[in-house]
Amino acid sequence: STCSFLDTDRALVLLEEYCKKLRKPEEQQLKKAIRKVMGIFKSSLFQALLGSFTKKATRHGTISHPSLPAAVAYDVLGCPKD
């Protein structure tokens, strides 16, 4: 299935679920990094850039690619991007 460019909420849910599983001391650095990425996804600047990118992609017919947030979440979680 193809994700929309506005799949930020889904990415945040996936990353939050993953963070809950990181309990070992050696995983805390990764957890901190993921939380930083989540903060970026939630920022108004990121949302504005994403909105601008989506408008351009729609005009050029390239909207079928996975969203940036979802792609990052899938990479972190090791999920297939399909």
PDB file of N, CA and C in Angstrom:
ATOM      1  N   SER A   1       0.844  -1.189   0.000  1.00  0.00           N
ATOM      2  CA  SER A   1       0.000   0.000   0.000  1.00  0.00           C
ATOM      3  C   SER A   1       0.881   1.242   0.000  1.00  0.00           C
ATOM      4  N   THR A   2       0.347   2.325  -0.517  1.00  0.00           N
ATOM      5  CA  THR A   2       1.106   3.561  -0.627  1.00  0.00           C
ATOM      6  C   THR A   2       0.700   4.528   0.468  1.00  0.00           C
ATOM      7  N   CYS A   3       1.682   5.138   1.116  1.00  0.00           N
ATOM      8  CA  CYS A   3       1.413   6.107   2.183  1.00  0.00           C
ATOM      9  C   CYS A   3       1.224   7.481   1.581  1.00  0.00           C
ATOM     10  N   SER A   4       0.485   8.308   2.258  1.00  0.00           N
ATOM     11  CA  SER A   4       0.372   9.703   1.836  1.00  0.00           C
ATOM     12  C   SER A   4       1.516  10.483   2.450  1.00  0.00           C
ATOM     13  N   PHE A   5       1.781  11.669   1.893  1.00  0.00           N
ATOM     14  CA  PHE A   5       2.847  12.498   2.438  1.00  0.00           C
ATOM     15  C   PHE A   5       2.491  13.015   3.818  1.00  0.00           C
ATOM     16  N   LEU A   6       1.228  12.959   4.207  1.00  0.00           N
ATOM     17  CA  LEU A   6       0.800  13.507   5.486  1.00  0.00           C
ATOM     18  C   LEU A   6       0.625  12.411   6.532  1.00  0.00           C
ATOM     19  N   ASP A   7       1.437  11.371   6.439  1.00  0.00           N
ATOM     20  CA  ASP A   7       1.331  10.233   7.339  1.00  0.00           C
ATOM     21  C   ASP A   7       2.154  10.432   8.605  1.00  0.00           C
ATOM     22  N   THR A   8       2.324  11.679   9.012  1.00  0.00           N
ATOM     23  CA  THR A   8       3.135  11.994  10.185  1.00  0.00           C
ATOM     24  C   THR A   8       2.568  11.377  11.453  1.00  0.00           C
ATOM     25  N   ASP A   9       1.248  11.436  11.609  1.00  0.00           N
ATOM     26  CA  ASP A   9       0.624  10.895  12.823  1.00  0.00           C
ATOM     27  C   ASP A   9       0.912   9.411  12.975  1.00  0.00           C
ATOM     28  N   ARG A  10       0.816   8.678  11.884  1.00  0.00           N
ATOM     29  CA  ARG A  10       1.082   7.232  11.919  1.00  0.00           C
ATOM     30  C   ARG A  10       2.540   6.972  12.305  1.00  0.00           C
ATOM     31  N   ALA A  11       3.442   7.767  11.731  1.00  0.00           N
ATOM     32  CA  ALA A  11       4.858   7.612  12.057  1.00  0.00           C
ATOM     33  C   ALA A  11       5.100   7.869  13.542  1.00  0.00           C
ATOM     34  N   LEU A  12       4.451   8.899  14.086  1.00  0.00           N
ATOM     35  CA  LEU A  12       4.612   9.219  15.500  1.00  0.00           C
ATOM     36  C   LEU A  12       4.103   8.094  16.385  1.00  0.00           C
ATOM     37  N   VAL A  13       2.989   7.497  15.999  1.00  0.00           N
ATOM     38  CA  VAL A  13       2.441   6.371  16.769  1.00  0.00           C
ATOM     39  C   VAL A  13       3.421   5.198  16.748  1.00  0.00           C
ATOM     40  N   LEU A  14       3.961   4.884  15.570  1.00  0.00           N
ATOM     41  CA  LEU A  14       4.915   3.781  15.444  1.00  0.00           C
ATOM     42  C   LEU A  14       6.163   4.029  16.283  1.00  0.00           C
ATOM     43  N   LEU A  15       6.682   5.251  16.209  1.00  0.00           N
ATOM     44  CA  LEU A  15       7.887   5.576  16.967  1.00  0.00           C
ATOM     45  C   LEU A  15       7.630   5.561  18.468  1.00  0.00           C
ATOM     46  N   GLU A  16       6.463   6.036  18.882  1.00  0.00           N
ATOM     47  CA  GLU A  16       6.105   6.030  20.309  1.00  0.00           C
ATOM     48  C   GLU A  16       6.019   4.593  20.833  1.00  0.00           C
ATOM     49  N   GLU A  17       5.390   3.720  20.055  1.00  0.00           N
ATOM     50  CA  GLU A  17       5.289   2.309  20.450  1.00  0.00           C
ATOM     51  C   GLU A  17       6.678   1.684  20.574  1.00  0.00           C
ATOM     52  N   TYR A  18       7.549   2.014  19.633  1.00  0.00           N
ATOM     53  CA  TYR A  18       8.908   1.481  19.653  1.00  0.00           C
ATOM     54  C   TYR A  18       9.663   1.977  20.885  1.00  0.00           C
ATOM     55  N   CYS A  19       9.505   3.271  21.206  1.00  0.00           N
ATOM     56  CA  CYS A  19      10.184   3.852  22.368  1.00  0.00           C
ATOM     57  C   CYS A  19       9.787   3.150  23.660  1.00  0.00           C
ATOM     58  N   LYS A  20       8.535   2.750  23.758  1.00  0.00           N
ATOM     59  CA  LYS A  20       8.049   2.076  24.969  1.00  0.00           C
ATOM     60  C   LYS A  20       8.779   0.760  25.214  1.00  0.00           C
ATOM     61  N   LYS A  21       9.320   0.170  24.137  1.00  0.00           N
ATOM     62  CA  LYS A  21      10.017  -1.117  24.257  1.00  0.00           C
ATOM     63  C   LYS A  21      11.485  -0.950  24.629  1.00  0.00           C
ATOM     64  N   LEU A  22      11.983   0.288  24.554  1.00  0.00           N
ATOM     65  CA  LEU A  22      13.400   0.540  24.838  1.00  0.00           C
ATOM     66  C   LEU A  22      13.589   0.818  26.323  1.00  0.00           C
ATOM     67  N   ARG A  23      13.925  -0.229  27.076  1.00  0.00           N
ATOM     68  CA  ARG A  23      14.031  -0.090  28.532  1.00  0.00           C
ATOM     69  C   ARG A  23      15.445  -0.308  29.060  1.00  0.00           C
ATOM     70  N   LYS A  24      16.281  -0.978  28.266  1.00  0.00           N
ATOM     71  CA  LYS A  24      17.641  -1.281  28.727  1.00  0.00           C
ATOM     72  C   LYS A  24      18.480  -0.010  28.768  1.00  0.00           C
ATOM     73  N   PRO A  25      19.446   0.053  29.685  1.00  0.00           N
ATOM     74  CA  PRO A  25      20.306   1.244  29.786  1.00  0.00           C
ATOM     75  C   PRO A  25      20.990   1.583  28.462  1.00  0.00           C
ATOM     76  N   GLU A  26      21.446   0.540  27.744  1.00  0.00           N
ATOM     77  CA  GLU A  26      22.166   0.794  26.493  1.00  0.00           C
ATOM     78  C   GLU A  26      21.243   1.274  25.358  1.00  0.00           C
ATOM     79  N   GLU A  27      19.936   1.202  25.591  1.00  0.00           N
ATOM     80  CA  GLU A  27      18.978   1.648  24.568  1.00  0.00           C
ATOM     81  C   GLU A  27      18.504   3.092  24.789  1.00  0.00           C
ATOM     82  N   GLN A  28      18.929   3.682  25.880  1.00  0.00           N
ATOM     83  CA  GLN A  28      18.433   5.019  26.221  1.00  0.00           C
ATOM     84  C   GLN A  28      18.910   6.109  25.259  1.00  0.00           C
ATOM     85  N   GLN A  29      20.113   5.933  24.705  1.00  0.00           N
ATOM     86  CA  GLN A  29      20.627   6.897  23.733  1.00  0.00           C
ATOM     87  C   GLN A  29      19.765   6.868  22.466  1.00  0.00           C
ATOM     88  N   LEU A  30      19.406   5.653  22.029  1.00  0.00           N
ATOM     89  CA  LEU A  30      18.539   5.490  20.859  1.00  0.00           C
ATOM     90  C   LEU A  30      17.167   6.094  21.144  1.00  0.00           C
ATOM     91  N   LYS A  31      16.653   5.838  22.335  1.00  0.00           N
ATOM     92  CA  LYS A  31      15.350   6.378  22.725  1.00  0.00           C
ATOM     93  C   LYS A  31      15.364   7.905  22.674  1.00  0.00           C
ATOM     94  N   LYS A  32      16.441   8.496  23.162  1.00  0.00           N
ATOM     95  CA  LYS A  32      16.587   9.954  23.162  1.00  0.00           C
ATOM     96  C   LYS A  32      16.598  10.488  21.719  1.00  0.00           C
ATOM     97  N   ALA A  33      17.311   9.804  20.848  1.00  0.00           N
ATOM     98  CA  ALA A  33      17.394  10.212  19.437  1.00  0.00           C
ATOM     99  C   ALA A  33      16.024  10.115  18.763  1.00  0.00           C
ATOM    100  N   ILE A  34      15.299   9.051  19.045  1.00  0.00           N
ATOM    101  CA  ILE A  34      13.964   8.866  18.453  1.00  0.00           C
ATOM    102  C   ILE A  34      13.025   9.959  18.941  1.00  0.00           C
ATOM    103  N   ARG A  35      13.106  10.286  20.220  1.00  0.00           N
ATOM    104  CA  ARG A  35      12.253  11.353  20.770  1.00  0.00           C
ATOM    105  C   ARG A  35      12.581  12.698  20.108  1.00  0.00           C
ATOM    106  N   LYS A  36      13.861  12.911  19.776  1.00  0.00           N
ATOM    107  CA  LYS A  36      14.258  14.140  19.091  1.00  0.00           C
ATOM    108  C   LYS A  36      13.620  14.186  17.692  1.00  0.00           C
ATOM    109  N   VAL A  37      13.651  13.066  16.984  1.00  0.00           N
ATOM    110  CA  VAL A  37      13.021  12.975  15.663  1.00  0.00           C
ATOM    111  C   VAL A  37      11.519  13.231  15.782  1.00  0.00           C
ATOM    112  N   MET A  38      10.902  12.668  16.808  1.00  0.00           N
ATOM    113  CA  MET A  38       9.468  12.872  17.021  1.00  0.00           C
ATOM    114  C   MET A  38       9.166  14.356  17.244  1.00  0.00           C
ATOM    115  N   GLY A  39      10.036  15.029  17.984  1.00  0.00           N
ATOM    116  CA  GLY A  39       9.868  16.458  18.219  1.00  0.00           C
ATOM    117  C   GLY A  39       9.931  17.252  16.923  1.00  0.00           C
ATOM    118  N   ILE A  40      10.832  16.837  16.035  1.00  0.00           N
ATOM    119  CA  ILE A  40      10.950  17.500  14.730  1.00  0.00           C
ATOM    120  C   ILE A  40       9.667  17.290  13.932  1.00  0.00           C
ATOM    121  N   PHE A  41       9.152  16.052  13.924  1.00  0.00           N
ATOM    122  CA  PHE A  41       7.921  15.762  13.176  1.00  0.00           C
ATOM    123  C   PHE A  41       6.757  16.622  13.677  1.00  0.00           C
ATOM    124  N   LYS A  42       6.755  16.914  14.982  1.00  0.00           N
ATOM    125  CA  LYS A  42       5.654  17.683  15.572  1.00  0.00           C
ATOM    126  C   LYS A  42       5.818  19.189  15.397  1.00  0.00           C
ATOM    127  N   SER A  43       7.012  19.628  15.006  1.00  0.00           N
ATOM    128  CA  SER A  43       7.272  21.067  14.917  1.00  0.00           C
ATOM    129  C   SER A  43       6.471  21.728  13.803  1.00  0.00           C
ATOM    130  N   SER A  44       6.118  22.978  14.029  1.00  0.00           N
ATOM    131  CA  SER A  44       5.333  23.714  13.037  1.00  0.00           C
ATOM    132  C   SER A  44       6.142  23.943  11.765  1.00  0.00           C
ATOM    133  N   LEU A  45       7.460  24.132  11.882  1.00  0.00           N
ATOM    134  CA  LEU A  45       8.293  24.323  10.701  1.00  0.00           C
ATOM    135  C   LEU A  45       8.265  23.073   9.825  1.00  0.00           C
ATOM    136  N   PHE A  46       8.439  21.905  10.442  1.00  0.00           N
ATOM    137  CA  PHE A  46       8.417  20.650   9.677  1.00  0.00           C
ATOM    138  C   PHE A  46       7.070  20.480   8.989  1.00  0.00           C
ATOM    139  N   GLN A  47       5.987  20.752   9.720  1.00  0.00           N
ATOM    140  CA  GLN A  47       4.650  20.607   9.138  1.00  0.00           C
ATOM    141  C   GLN A  47       4.462  21.553   7.955  1.00  0.00           C
ATOM    142  N   ALA A  48       4.996  22.771   8.067  1.00  0.00           N
ATOM    143  CA  ALA A  48       4.896  23.748   6.974  1.00  0.00           C
ATOM    144  C   ALA A  48       5.691  23.273   5.760  1.00  0.00           C
ATOM    145  N   LEU A  49       6.899  22.778   5.998  1.00  0.00           N
ATOM    146  CA  LEU A  49       7.719  22.271   4.895  1.00  0.00           C
ATOM    147  C   LEU A  49       7.057  21.072   4.237  1.00  0.00           C
ATOM    148  N   LEU A  50       6.496  20.192   5.038  1.00  0.00           N
ATOM    149  CA  LEU A  50       5.821  19.015   4.521  1.00  0.00           C
ATOM    150  C   LEU A  50       4.619  19.418   3.661  1.00  0.00           C
ATOM    151  N   GLY A  51       3.876  20.417   4.138  1.00  0.00           N
ATOM    152  CA  GLY A  51       2.724  20.904   3.382  1.00  0.00           C
ATOM    153  C   GLY A  51       3.135  21.483   2.045  1.00  0.00           C
ATOM    154  N   SER A  52       4.222  22.254   2.035  1.00  0.00           N
ATOM    155  CA  SER A  52       4.734  22.849   0.801  1.00  0.00           C
ATOM    156  C   SER A  52       5.208  21.768  -0.158  1.00  0.00           C
ATOM    157  N   PHE A  53       5.919  20.775   0.371  1.00  0.00           N
ATOM    158  CA  PHE A  53       6.428  19.672  -0.443  1.00  0.00           C
ATOM    159  C   PHE A  53       5.283  18.866  -1.036  1.00  0.00           C
ATOM    160  N   THR A  54       4.241  18.655  -0.240  1.00  0.00           N
ATOM    161  CA  THR A  54       3.084  17.890  -0.703  1.00  0.00           C
ATOM    162  C   THR A  54       2.394  18.592  -1.867  1.00  0.00           C
ATOM    163  N   LYS A  55       2.250  19.924  -1.767  1.00  0.00           N
ATOM    164  CA  LYS A  55       1.617  20.687  -2.851  1.00  0.00           C
ATOM    165  C   LYS A  55       2.413  20.547  -4.141  1.00  0.00           C
ATOM    166  N   LYS A  56       3.745  20.661  -4.038  1.00  0.00           N
ATOM    167  CA  LYS A  56       4.594  20.536  -5.226  1.00  0.00           C
ATOM    168  C   LYS A  56       4.522  19.120  -5.797  1.00  0.00           C
ATOM    169  N   ALA A  57       4.570  18.127  -4.925  1.00  0.00           N
ATOM    170  CA  ALA A  57       4.537  16.732  -5.370  1.00  0.00           C
ATOM    171  C   ALA A  57       3.214  16.410  -6.049  1.00  0.00           C
ATOM    172  N   THR A  58       2.125  16.958  -5.526  1.00  0.00           N
ATOM    173  CA  THR A  58       0.809  16.730  -6.111  1.00  0.00           C
ATOM    174  C   THR A  58       0.770  17.310  -7.528  1.00  0.00           C
ATOM    175  N   ARG A  59       1.325  18.508  -7.676  1.00  0.00           N
ATOM    176  CA  ARG A  59       1.356  19.146  -8.998  1.00  0.00           C
ATOM    177  C   ARG A  59       2.173  18.332  -9.996  1.00  0.00           C
ATOM    178  N   HIS A  60       3.251  17.712  -9.527  1.00  0.00           N
ATOM    179  CA  HIS A  60       4.136  16.964 -10.415  1.00  0.00           C
ATOM    180  C   HIS A  60       3.760  15.485 -10.517  1.00  0.00           C
ATOM    181  N   GLY A  61       2.719  15.083  -9.820  1.00  0.00           N
ATOM    182  CA  GLY A  61       2.262  13.698  -9.896  1.00  0.00           C
ATOM    183  C   GLY A  61       3.159  12.694  -9.213  1.00  0.00           C
ATOM    184  N   THR A  62       3.933  13.129  -8.217  1.00  0.00           N
ATOM    185  CA  THR A  62       4.857  12.216  -7.533  1.00  0.00           C
ATOM    186  C   THR A  62       4.398  11.899  -6.120  1.00  0.00           C
ATOM    187  N   ILE A  63       3.129  12.080  -5.859  1.00  0.00           N
ATOM    188  CA  ILE A  63       2.598  11.922  -4.495  1.00  0.00           C
ATOM    189  C   ILE A  63       2.547  10.462  -4.039  1.00  0.00           C
ATOM    190  N   SER A  64       2.825   9.522  -4.932  1.00  0.00           N
ATOM    191  CA  SER A  64       2.679   8.111  -4.579  1.00  0.00           C
ATOM    192  C   SER A  64       3.821   7.564  -3.723  1.00  0.00           C
ATOM    193  N   HIS A  65       4.900   8.334  -3.538  1.00  0.00           N
ATOM    194  CA  HIS A  65       6.011   7.855  -2.711  1.00  0.00           C
ATOM    195  C   HIS A  65       5.637   7.902  -1.231  1.00  0.00           C
ATOM    196  N   PRO A  66       6.246   7.033  -0.404  1.00  0.00           N
ATOM    197  CA  PRO A  66       5.941   7.060   1.036  1.00  0.00           C
ATOM    198  C   PRO A  66       6.301   8.408   1.644  1.00  0.00           C
ATOM    199  N   SER A  67       5.605   8.771   2.682  1.00  0.00           N
ATOM    200  CA  SER A  67       5.906  10.038   3.346  1.00  0.00           C
ATOM    201  C   SER A  67       7.267   9.959   4.010  1.00  0.00           C
ATOM    202  N   LEU A  68       7.895  11.106   4.179  1.00  0.00           N
ATOM    203  CA  LEU A  68       9.186  11.162   4.860  1.00  0.00           C
ATOM    204  C   LEU A  68       9.083  10.648   6.293  1.00  0.00           C
ATOM    205  N   PRO A  69       8.087  11.100   7.076  1.00  0.00           N
ATOM    206  CA  PRO A  69       7.992  10.586   8.448  1.00  0.00           C
ATOM    207  C   PRO A  69       7.795   9.072   8.494  1.00  0.00           C
ATOM    208  N   ALA A  70       6.924   8.559   7.646  1.00  0.00           N
ATOM    209  CA  ALA A  70       6.677   7.113   7.643  1.00  0.00           C
ATOM    210  C   ALA A  70       7.940   6.366   7.236  1.00  0.00           C
ATOM    211  N   ALA A  71       8.658   6.883   6.236  1.00  0.00           N
ATOM    212  CA  ALA A  71       9.884   6.225   5.779  1.00  0.00           C
ATOM    213  C   ALA A  71      10.917   6.160   6.901  1.00  0.00           C
ATOM    214  N   VAL A  72      11.057   7.250   7.657  1.00  0.00           N
ATOM    215  CA  VAL A  72      11.998   7.274   8.785  1.00  0.00           C
ATOM    216  C   VAL A  72      11.559   6.270   9.848  1.00  0.00           C
ATOM    217  N   ALA A  73      10.265   6.265  10.153  1.00  0.00           N
ATOM    218  CA  ALA A  73       9.750   5.336  11.163  1.00  0.00           C
ATOM    219  C   ALA A  73       9.987   3.898  10.731  1.00  0.00           C
ATOM    220  N   TYR A  74       9.717   3.601   9.459  1.00  0.00           N
ATOM    221  CA  TYR A  74       9.923   2.243   8.961  1.00  0.00           C
ATOM    222  C   TYR A  74      11.395   1.854   9.030  1.00  0.00           C
ATOM    223  N   ASP A  75      12.299   2.805   8.720  1.00  0.00           N
ATOM    224  CA  ASP A  75      13.728   2.524   8.800  1.00  0.00           C
ATOM    225  C   ASP A  75      14.131   2.224  10.235  1.00  0.00           C
ATOM    226  N   VAL A  76      13.655   3.035  11.173  1.00  0.00           N
ATOM    227  CA  VAL A  76      13.991   2.841  12.589  1.00  0.00           C
ATOM    228  C   VAL A  76      13.466   1.502  13.089  1.00  0.00           C
ATOM    229  N   LEU A  77      12.248   1.177  12.689  1.00  0.00           N
ATOM    230  CA  LEU A  77      11.590  -0.026  13.193  1.00  0.00           C
ATOM    231  C   LEU A  77      11.925  -1.276  12.385  1.00  0.00           C
ATOM    232  N   GLY A  78      12.594  -1.089  11.246  1.00  0.00           N
ATOM    233  CA  GLY A  78      12.940  -2.238  10.405  1.00  0.00           C
ATOM    234  C   GLY A  78      11.733  -2.812   9.693  1.00  0.00           C
ATOM    235  N   CYS A  79      10.716  -1.976   9.447  1.00  0.00           N
ATOM    236  CA  CYS A  79       9.508  -2.444   8.756  1.00  0.00           C
ATOM    237  C   CYS A  79       9.697  -2.340   7.247  1.00  0.00           C
ATOM    238  N   PRO A  80       9.018  -3.213   6.498  1.00  0.00           N
ATOM    239  CA  PRO A  80       9.068  -3.079   5.043  1.00  0.00           C
ATOM    240  C   PRO A  80       8.365  -1.804   4.618  1.00  0.00           C
ATOM    241  N   LYS A  81       8.903  -1.125   3.614  1.00  0.00           N
ATOM    242  CA  LYS A  81       8.331   0.139   3.172  1.00  0.00           C
ATOM    243  C   LYS A  81       7.161  -0.058   2.237  1.00  0.00           C
ATOM    244  N   ASP A  82       6.985  -1.249   1.733  1.00  0.00           N
ATOM    245  CA  ASP A  82       6.010  -1.470   0.684  1.00  0.00           C
ATOM    246  C   ASP A  82       4.874  -0.498   0.762  1.00  0.00           C
TER     247      ASP A  82
END
